[in-house]
Amino acid sequence: MIDLTQYRSPKDDCSVYYWIPIQHLAEVRKRLGGKYFRIVYRGPRLNALKSFTPKRWAVAFSVYEKGNLCY
């Protein structure tokens, strides 16, 4: 079972949790539920202007509250 406290975002960050390794995705989704949170994938990207990565290339992910538009 993953300890999410080590992935807690700093107070000045918009996310709730950040840079959680992708292998923990299913467990985090199960624990948080999908109703109030949005997953944003992190890792290499083809376009440097974009702030997200497609899931198939992700090495980590961040968790945001739904409605929070700063990702």
N, C-alpha and C. Protein backbone atom coordinates (compact mmCIF):
# COMPACT_ATOMS: atom_id res chain seq x y z
N MET A 1 0.84 -1.18 0.00
CA MET A 1 0.00 0.00 0.00
C MET A 1 0.89 1.25 0.00
N ILE A 2 0.60 2.17 -0.88
CA ILE A 2 1.42 3.37 -1.06
C ILE A 2 1.10 4.41 0.03
N ASP A 3 2.14 5.07 0.51
CA ASP A 3 2.00 6.15 1.48
C ASP A 3 1.97 7.45 0.70
N LEU A 4 0.80 8.06 0.56
CA LEU A 4 0.66 9.26 -0.26
C LEU A 4 1.26 10.51 0.38
N THR A 5 1.55 10.48 1.66
CA THR A 5 2.09 11.68 2.31
C THR A 5 3.43 12.09 1.71
N GLN A 6 4.21 11.16 1.22
CA GLN A 6 5.50 11.51 0.62
C GLN A 6 5.34 12.19 -0.74
N TYR A 7 4.15 12.11 -1.33
CA TYR A 7 3.89 12.73 -2.62
C TYR A 7 3.01 13.98 -2.50
N ARG A 8 2.77 14.43 -1.30
CA ARG A 8 1.94 15.61 -1.06
C ARG A 8 2.59 16.83 -1.71
N SER A 9 1.79 17.64 -2.37
CA SER A 9 2.31 18.83 -3.04
C SER A 9 2.63 19.93 -2.04
N PRO A 10 3.59 20.78 -2.37
CA PRO A 10 3.86 21.94 -1.52
C PRO A 10 2.64 22.87 -1.49
N LYS A 11 2.54 23.70 -0.49
CA LYS A 11 1.37 24.58 -0.34
C LYS A 11 1.19 25.53 -1.51
N ASP A 12 2.26 25.95 -2.16
CA ASP A 12 2.14 26.90 -3.27
C ASP A 12 1.86 26.22 -4.62
N ASP A 13 1.69 24.92 -4.63
CA ASP A 13 1.40 24.17 -5.85
C ASP A 13 -0.11 23.96 -5.97
N CYS A 14 -0.60 23.85 -7.19
CA CYS A 14 -2.04 23.67 -7.43
C CYS A 14 -2.50 22.23 -7.23
N SER A 15 -1.59 21.28 -7.35
CA SER A 15 -1.98 19.87 -7.25
C SER A 15 -2.13 19.45 -5.78
N VAL A 16 -2.80 18.33 -5.59
CA VAL A 16 -2.93 17.74 -4.26
C VAL A 16 -1.75 16.81 -4.00
N TYR A 17 -1.43 15.96 -4.99
CA TYR A 17 -0.26 15.07 -4.95
C TYR A 17 0.47 15.21 -6.28
N TYR A 18 1.78 15.05 -6.27
CA TYR A 18 2.50 15.18 -7.52
C TYR A 18 3.64 14.17 -7.64
N TRP A 19 3.95 13.85 -8.90
CA TRP A 19 5.00 12.91 -9.29
C TRP A 19 4.92 11.56 -8.57
N ILE A 20 3.73 11.00 -8.56
CA ILE A 20 3.53 9.64 -8.05
C ILE A 20 3.92 8.69 -9.19
N PRO A 21 4.76 7.70 -8.96
CA PRO A 21 5.14 6.77 -10.03
C PRO A 21 3.91 6.10 -10.65
N ILE A 22 3.95 5.92 -11.95
CA ILE A 22 2.80 5.43 -12.72
C ILE A 22 2.34 4.04 -12.28
N GLN A 23 3.21 3.22 -11.72
CA GLN A 23 2.80 1.88 -11.30
C GLN A 23 1.80 1.91 -10.14
N HIS A 24 1.63 3.06 -9.49
CA HIS A 24 0.68 3.19 -8.38
C HIS A 24 -0.66 3.78 -8.82
N LEU A 25 -0.86 3.96 -10.11
CA LEU A 25 -2.06 4.62 -10.62
C LEU A 25 -3.35 3.93 -10.19
N ALA A 26 -3.45 2.62 -10.37
CA ALA A 26 -4.68 1.90 -10.04
C ALA A 26 -5.01 2.02 -8.55
N GLU A 27 -4.01 1.90 -7.71
CA GLU A 27 -4.22 1.98 -6.27
C GLU A 27 -4.67 3.38 -5.84
N VAL A 28 -4.05 4.40 -6.40
CA VAL A 28 -4.41 5.78 -6.05
C VAL A 28 -5.82 6.09 -6.53
N ARG A 29 -6.16 5.67 -7.75
CA ARG A 29 -7.53 5.88 -8.25
C ARG A 29 -8.56 5.20 -7.35
N LYS A 30 -8.24 4.01 -6.91
CA LYS A 30 -9.16 3.27 -6.05
C LYS A 30 -9.33 3.98 -4.71
N ARG A 31 -8.23 4.47 -4.14
CA ARG A 31 -8.29 5.13 -2.83
C ARG A 31 -8.97 6.49 -2.88
N LEU A 32 -8.73 7.26 -3.94
CA LEU A 32 -9.28 8.61 -4.03
C LEU A 32 -10.66 8.64 -4.67
N GLY A 33 -10.95 7.68 -5.50
CA GLY A 33 -12.19 7.74 -6.27
C GLY A 33 -12.02 8.75 -7.40
N GLY A 34 -12.85 8.70 -8.39
CA GLY A 34 -12.69 9.58 -9.54
C GLY A 34 -13.62 10.76 -9.56
N LYS A 35 -14.47 10.87 -8.56
CA LYS A 35 -15.52 11.88 -8.59
C LYS A 35 -14.99 13.30 -8.40
N TYR A 36 -14.03 13.49 -7.53
CA TYR A 36 -13.58 14.84 -7.20
C TYR A 36 -12.14 15.13 -7.60
N PHE A 37 -11.48 14.19 -8.26
CA PHE A 37 -10.08 14.37 -8.60
C PHE A 37 -9.82 14.12 -10.08
N ARG A 38 -8.80 14.78 -10.60
CA ARG A 38 -8.38 14.61 -11.99
C ARG A 38 -6.91 14.17 -11.99
N ILE A 39 -6.61 13.21 -12.84
CA ILE A 39 -5.24 12.70 -12.98
C ILE A 39 -4.60 13.38 -14.19
N VAL A 40 -3.39 13.89 -14.02
CA VAL A 40 -2.63 14.47 -15.12
C VAL A 40 -1.31 13.70 -15.21
N TYR A 41 -1.04 13.13 -16.36
CA TYR A 41 0.13 12.29 -16.56
C TYR A 41 1.37 13.14 -16.79
N ARG A 42 2.51 12.68 -16.28
CA ARG A 42 3.77 13.40 -16.36
C ARG A 42 4.86 12.52 -16.96
N GLY A 43 5.76 13.12 -17.68
CA GLY A 43 6.87 12.40 -18.28
C GLY A 43 7.31 13.10 -19.54
N PRO A 44 7.96 12.39 -20.46
CA PRO A 44 8.42 13.02 -21.70
C PRO A 44 7.23 13.44 -22.56
N ARG A 45 7.38 14.52 -23.30
CA ARG A 45 6.31 14.97 -24.19
C ARG A 45 6.89 15.38 -25.53
N LEU A 46 6.10 15.27 -26.55
CA LEU A 46 6.55 15.61 -27.89
C LEU A 46 6.55 17.13 -28.11
N ASN A 47 5.62 17.81 -27.48
CA ASN A 47 5.50 19.25 -27.64
C ASN A 47 5.85 19.92 -26.31
N ALA A 48 6.93 20.66 -26.28
CA ALA A 48 7.41 21.27 -25.04
C ALA A 48 6.46 22.32 -24.49
N LEU A 49 5.53 22.81 -25.31
CA LEU A 49 4.59 23.83 -24.85
C LEU A 49 3.42 23.23 -24.07
N LYS A 50 3.22 21.93 -24.17
CA LYS A 50 2.12 21.29 -23.44
C LYS A 50 2.57 20.93 -22.04
N SER A 51 1.63 20.92 -21.09
CA SER A 51 1.99 20.64 -19.70
C SER A 51 1.59 19.24 -19.28
N PHE A 52 1.24 18.39 -20.23
CA PHE A 52 0.85 17.03 -19.90
C PHE A 52 1.48 16.04 -20.87
N THR A 53 1.38 14.78 -20.54
CA THR A 53 1.94 13.69 -21.33
C THR A 53 0.83 12.67 -21.60
N PRO A 54 0.77 12.07 -22.78
CA PRO A 54 -0.20 10.98 -22.99
C PRO A 54 0.08 9.82 -22.01
N LYS A 55 -0.94 9.12 -21.63
CA LYS A 55 -0.82 8.06 -20.63
C LYS A 55 0.21 7.00 -21.03
N ARG A 56 0.26 6.65 -22.30
CA ARG A 56 1.17 5.58 -22.73
C ARG A 56 2.64 5.93 -22.55
N TRP A 57 2.99 7.22 -22.46
CA TRP A 57 4.38 7.65 -22.27
C TRP A 57 4.66 8.09 -20.84
N ALA A 58 3.67 8.09 -19.99
CA ALA A 58 3.82 8.63 -18.64
C ALA A 58 4.74 7.78 -17.77
N VAL A 59 5.52 8.44 -16.95
CA VAL A 59 6.35 7.77 -15.95
C VAL A 59 5.84 8.09 -14.54
N ALA A 60 4.99 9.12 -14.46
CA ALA A 60 4.42 9.53 -13.18
C ALA A 60 3.11 10.26 -13.45
N PHE A 61 2.42 10.64 -12.39
CA PHE A 61 1.19 11.42 -12.54
C PHE A 61 1.01 12.33 -11.35
N SER A 62 0.18 13.35 -11.55
CA SER A 62 -0.18 14.28 -10.49
C SER A 62 -1.69 14.23 -10.31
N VAL A 63 -2.16 14.56 -9.11
CA VAL A 63 -3.59 14.54 -8.80
C VAL A 63 -4.03 15.96 -8.49
N TYR A 64 -5.09 16.40 -9.17
CA TYR A 64 -5.67 17.72 -8.96
C TYR A 64 -7.13 17.58 -8.56
N GLU A 65 -7.62 18.56 -7.82
CA GLU A 65 -9.06 18.59 -7.55
C GLU A 65 -9.76 18.99 -8.84
N LYS A 66 -10.91 18.38 -9.12
CA LYS A 66 -11.66 18.77 -10.31
C LYS A 66 -12.11 20.21 -10.15
N GLY A 67 -12.08 20.93 -11.24
CA GLY A 67 -12.42 22.34 -11.21
C GLY A 67 -11.21 23.24 -11.03
N ASN A 68 -10.10 22.68 -10.63
CA ASN A 68 -8.86 23.44 -10.50
C ASN A 68 -8.19 23.45 -11.87
N LEU A 69 -8.09 24.60 -12.49
CA LEU A 69 -7.65 24.69 -13.87
C LEU A 69 -6.17 25.00 -14.06
N CYS A 70 -5.37 24.86 -13.03
CA CYS A 70 -3.95 25.23 -13.17
C CYS A 70 -3.07 24.01 -13.38
N TYR A 71 -3.38 23.15 -14.32
CA TYR A 71 -2.53 22.02 -14.66
C TYR A 71 -2.09 22.19 -16.07
